[in-house]
Amino acid sequence: VYRIRIDKEKKDVSVPSMTGREILALVGKTPEKHLLSEKFHGGVVEPVKADQVVRFDRPGVERFQTLALDPTEG
């Protein structure tokens, strides 16, 4: 089991890899409305495409953040 964090939600997944679309689906979001980014140690942030496979068995891969593609004013 791999524990990943998407924004502030922690999720346990039992597969060693998932696509960006599948990771977004864990928190009820879609790549059409949200951008997924992977956060690495040292503050490096890299975007994850919807069909890009992310492996959780590499060290340091467990944090993701989402950003709405159409931010509402407020």
N, C-alpha and C. Protein backbone atom coordinates (compact mmCIF):
# COMPACT_ATOMS: atom_id res chain seq x y z
N VAL A 1 0.85 -1.19 0.00
CA VAL A 1 0.00 0.00 0.00
C VAL A 1 0.89 1.25 0.00
N TYR A 2 0.54 2.20 -0.86
CA TYR A 2 1.28 3.45 -0.94
C TYR A 2 0.38 4.57 -0.44
N ARG A 3 0.90 5.44 0.41
CA ARG A 3 0.13 6.57 0.91
C ARG A 3 0.58 7.81 0.14
N ILE A 4 -0.38 8.45 -0.52
CA ILE A 4 -0.08 9.67 -1.26
C ILE A 4 -0.94 10.80 -0.70
N ARG A 5 -0.52 12.03 -0.94
CA ARG A 5 -1.29 13.18 -0.49
C ARG A 5 -1.63 14.03 -1.70
N ILE A 6 -2.93 14.33 -1.84
CA ILE A 6 -3.39 15.19 -2.92
C ILE A 6 -4.00 16.41 -2.25
N ASP A 7 -3.40 17.57 -2.45
CA ASP A 7 -3.73 18.78 -1.70
C ASP A 7 -3.57 18.44 -0.21
N LYS A 8 -4.62 18.46 0.57
CA LYS A 8 -4.49 18.12 1.99
C LYS A 8 -5.09 16.76 2.35
N GLU A 9 -5.58 16.03 1.33
CA GLU A 9 -6.18 14.72 1.56
C GLU A 9 -5.15 13.61 1.42
N LYS A 10 -5.13 12.69 2.39
CA LYS A 10 -4.26 11.52 2.30
C LYS A 10 -5.06 10.35 1.76
N LYS A 11 -4.48 9.63 0.80
CA LYS A 11 -5.15 8.48 0.18
C LYS A 11 -4.19 7.29 0.19
N ASP A 12 -4.74 6.11 0.48
CA ASP A 12 -3.95 4.88 0.40
C ASP A 12 -4.32 4.18 -0.90
N VAL A 13 -3.30 3.86 -1.70
CA VAL A 13 -3.53 3.16 -2.96
C VAL A 13 -2.73 1.85 -2.94
N SER A 14 -3.28 0.83 -3.59
CA SER A 14 -2.65 -0.48 -3.54
C SER A 14 -1.93 -0.85 -4.83
N VAL A 15 -1.80 0.11 -5.74
CA VAL A 15 -1.09 -0.14 -7.00
C VAL A 15 0.19 0.69 -7.03
N PRO A 16 1.25 0.20 -7.70
CA PRO A 16 2.53 0.92 -7.71
C PRO A 16 2.56 2.12 -8.64
N SER A 17 1.53 2.28 -9.51
CA SER A 17 1.51 3.44 -10.40
C SER A 17 0.09 3.76 -10.81
N MET A 18 -0.14 5.04 -11.15
CA MET A 18 -1.45 5.50 -11.62
C MET A 18 -1.21 6.62 -12.62
N THR A 19 -2.23 6.88 -13.45
CA THR A 19 -2.13 8.01 -14.38
C THR A 19 -2.60 9.28 -13.66
N GLY A 20 -2.29 10.41 -14.24
CA GLY A 20 -2.73 11.68 -13.69
C GLY A 20 -4.24 11.73 -13.55
N ARG A 21 -4.94 11.20 -14.54
CA ARG A 21 -6.42 11.16 -14.51
C ARG A 21 -6.93 10.35 -13.32
N GLU A 22 -6.30 9.19 -13.07
CA GLU A 22 -6.71 8.33 -11.95
C GLU A 22 -6.43 8.99 -10.60
N ILE A 23 -5.30 9.70 -10.50
CA ILE A 23 -4.97 10.40 -9.25
C ILE A 23 -6.00 11.50 -8.98
N LEU A 24 -6.35 12.27 -10.00
CA LEU A 24 -7.37 13.31 -9.84
C LEU A 24 -8.71 12.70 -9.45
N ALA A 25 -9.05 11.54 -10.00
CA ALA A 25 -10.34 10.89 -9.69
C ALA A 25 -10.44 10.51 -8.22
N LEU A 26 -9.30 10.27 -7.57
CA LEU A 26 -9.31 9.92 -6.14
C LEU A 26 -9.92 11.04 -5.29
N VAL A 27 -9.81 12.28 -5.76
CA VAL A 27 -10.37 13.42 -5.02
C VAL A 27 -11.54 14.05 -5.77
N GLY A 28 -12.13 13.30 -6.70
CA GLY A 28 -13.32 13.76 -7.39
C GLY A 28 -13.10 14.87 -8.39
N LYS A 29 -11.92 14.93 -9.01
CA LYS A 29 -11.61 15.98 -9.98
C LYS A 29 -11.27 15.36 -11.33
N THR A 30 -11.31 16.16 -12.39
CA THR A 30 -11.00 15.67 -13.73
C THR A 30 -9.92 16.55 -14.36
N PRO A 31 -9.13 15.98 -15.30
CA PRO A 31 -8.08 16.77 -15.95
C PRO A 31 -8.64 17.87 -16.85
N GLU A 32 -9.93 17.77 -17.20
CA GLU A 32 -10.54 18.83 -18.01
C GLU A 32 -10.74 20.10 -17.20
N LYS A 33 -10.88 19.97 -15.89
CA LYS A 33 -11.14 21.14 -15.04
C LYS A 33 -10.00 21.47 -14.07
N HIS A 34 -9.05 20.53 -13.89
CA HIS A 34 -7.98 20.74 -12.92
C HIS A 34 -6.62 20.31 -13.48
N LEU A 35 -5.59 21.03 -13.08
CA LEU A 35 -4.21 20.70 -13.41
C LEU A 35 -3.61 19.97 -12.21
N LEU A 36 -2.95 18.86 -12.45
CA LEU A 36 -2.30 18.09 -11.39
C LEU A 36 -0.80 18.33 -11.47
N SER A 37 -0.19 18.62 -10.31
CA SER A 37 1.26 18.80 -10.24
C SER A 37 1.82 17.90 -9.15
N GLU A 38 3.04 17.42 -9.38
CA GLU A 38 3.73 16.57 -8.42
C GLU A 38 4.75 17.42 -7.69
N LYS A 39 4.75 17.34 -6.36
CA LYS A 39 5.69 18.12 -5.55
C LYS A 39 6.84 17.22 -5.09
N PHE A 40 8.07 17.69 -5.33
CA PHE A 40 9.25 16.93 -4.94
C PHE A 40 9.94 17.65 -3.78
N HIS A 41 10.82 16.92 -3.11
CA HIS A 41 11.61 17.52 -2.03
C HIS A 41 12.46 18.65 -2.60
N GLY A 42 12.60 19.72 -1.85
CA GLY A 42 13.37 20.86 -2.33
C GLY A 42 12.51 21.90 -3.01
N GLY A 43 11.20 21.70 -3.02
CA GLY A 43 10.29 22.70 -3.57
C GLY A 43 10.07 22.62 -5.07
N VAL A 44 10.56 21.58 -5.74
CA VAL A 44 10.37 21.45 -7.18
C VAL A 44 8.95 20.93 -7.45
N VAL A 45 8.25 21.60 -8.37
CA VAL A 45 6.89 21.19 -8.74
C VAL A 45 6.86 20.96 -10.24
N GLU A 46 6.37 19.78 -10.66
CA GLU A 46 6.29 19.45 -12.08
C GLU A 46 4.87 19.05 -12.44
N PRO A 47 4.34 19.56 -13.57
CA PRO A 47 2.97 19.18 -13.97
C PRO A 47 2.89 17.72 -14.38
N VAL A 48 1.73 17.12 -14.16
CA VAL A 48 1.47 15.72 -14.53
C VAL A 48 0.34 15.74 -15.56
N LYS A 49 0.59 15.18 -16.74
CA LYS A 49 -0.45 15.11 -17.78
C LYS A 49 -1.46 14.03 -17.43
N ALA A 50 -2.66 14.12 -18.01
CA ALA A 50 -3.75 13.18 -17.72
C ALA A 50 -3.36 11.73 -18.00
N ASP A 51 -2.62 11.49 -19.10
CA ASP A 51 -2.26 10.12 -19.47
C ASP A 51 -0.85 9.72 -19.04
N GLN A 52 -0.19 10.60 -18.28
CA GLN A 52 1.17 10.31 -17.80
C GLN A 52 1.10 9.37 -16.60
N VAL A 53 1.93 8.33 -16.61
CA VAL A 53 1.96 7.36 -15.51
C VAL A 53 2.94 7.84 -14.45
N VAL A 54 2.46 7.87 -13.20
CA VAL A 54 3.28 8.26 -12.06
C VAL A 54 3.53 7.01 -11.23
N ARG A 55 4.81 6.73 -10.97
CA ARG A 55 5.16 5.54 -10.17
C ARG A 55 5.34 5.96 -8.72
N PHE A 56 4.71 5.20 -7.81
CA PHE A 56 4.80 5.50 -6.38
C PHE A 56 5.94 4.76 -5.70
N ASP A 57 6.60 3.84 -6.42
CA ASP A 57 7.68 3.07 -5.80
C ASP A 57 9.04 3.77 -5.91
N ARG A 58 9.05 4.98 -6.50
CA ARG A 58 10.27 5.80 -6.50
C ARG A 58 10.32 6.60 -5.21
N PRO A 59 11.50 6.84 -4.66
CA PRO A 59 11.56 7.61 -3.41
C PRO A 59 11.12 9.06 -3.63
N GLY A 60 10.40 9.59 -2.67
CA GLY A 60 10.00 11.00 -2.71
C GLY A 60 8.77 11.30 -3.53
N VAL A 61 8.06 10.29 -4.03
CA VAL A 61 6.85 10.53 -4.82
C VAL A 61 5.64 10.25 -3.95
N GLU A 62 5.08 11.29 -3.38
CA GLU A 62 3.87 11.06 -2.61
C GLU A 62 3.01 12.30 -2.45
N ARG A 63 3.45 13.44 -2.98
CA ARG A 63 2.68 14.66 -2.78
C ARG A 63 2.27 15.27 -4.11
N PHE A 64 0.98 15.62 -4.18
CA PHE A 64 0.43 16.22 -5.39
C PHE A 64 -0.41 17.42 -5.01
N GLN A 65 -0.53 18.34 -5.94
CA GLN A 65 -1.42 19.47 -5.72
C GLN A 65 -2.25 19.68 -6.98
N THR A 66 -3.46 20.22 -6.79
CA THR A 66 -4.34 20.48 -7.92
C THR A 66 -4.57 21.97 -8.03
N LEU A 67 -4.88 22.41 -9.24
CA LEU A 67 -5.17 23.82 -9.51
C LEU A 67 -6.29 23.87 -10.52
N ALA A 68 -7.34 24.63 -10.20
CA ALA A 68 -8.47 24.76 -11.12
C ALA A 68 -8.01 25.49 -12.38
N LEU A 69 -8.42 24.97 -13.54
CA LEU A 69 -8.03 25.59 -14.80
C LEU A 69 -8.84 26.85 -15.07
N ASP A 70 -10.06 26.95 -14.48
CA ASP A 70 -10.92 28.11 -14.68
C ASP A 70 -11.23 28.71 -13.31
N PRO A 71 -10.25 29.42 -12.73
CA PRO A 71 -10.48 29.95 -11.38
C PRO A 71 -11.60 30.99 -11.38
N THR A 72 -12.47 30.88 -10.40
CA THR A 72 -13.58 31.83 -10.30
C THR A 72 -13.12 33.04 -9.50
N GLU A 73 -13.62 34.19 -9.88
CA GLU A 73 -13.25 35.42 -9.18
C GLU A 73 -14.00 35.47 -7.86
N GLY A 74 -13.38 36.09 -6.86
CA GLY A 74 -14.07 36.16 -5.59
C GLY A 74 -13.18 36.79 -4.62
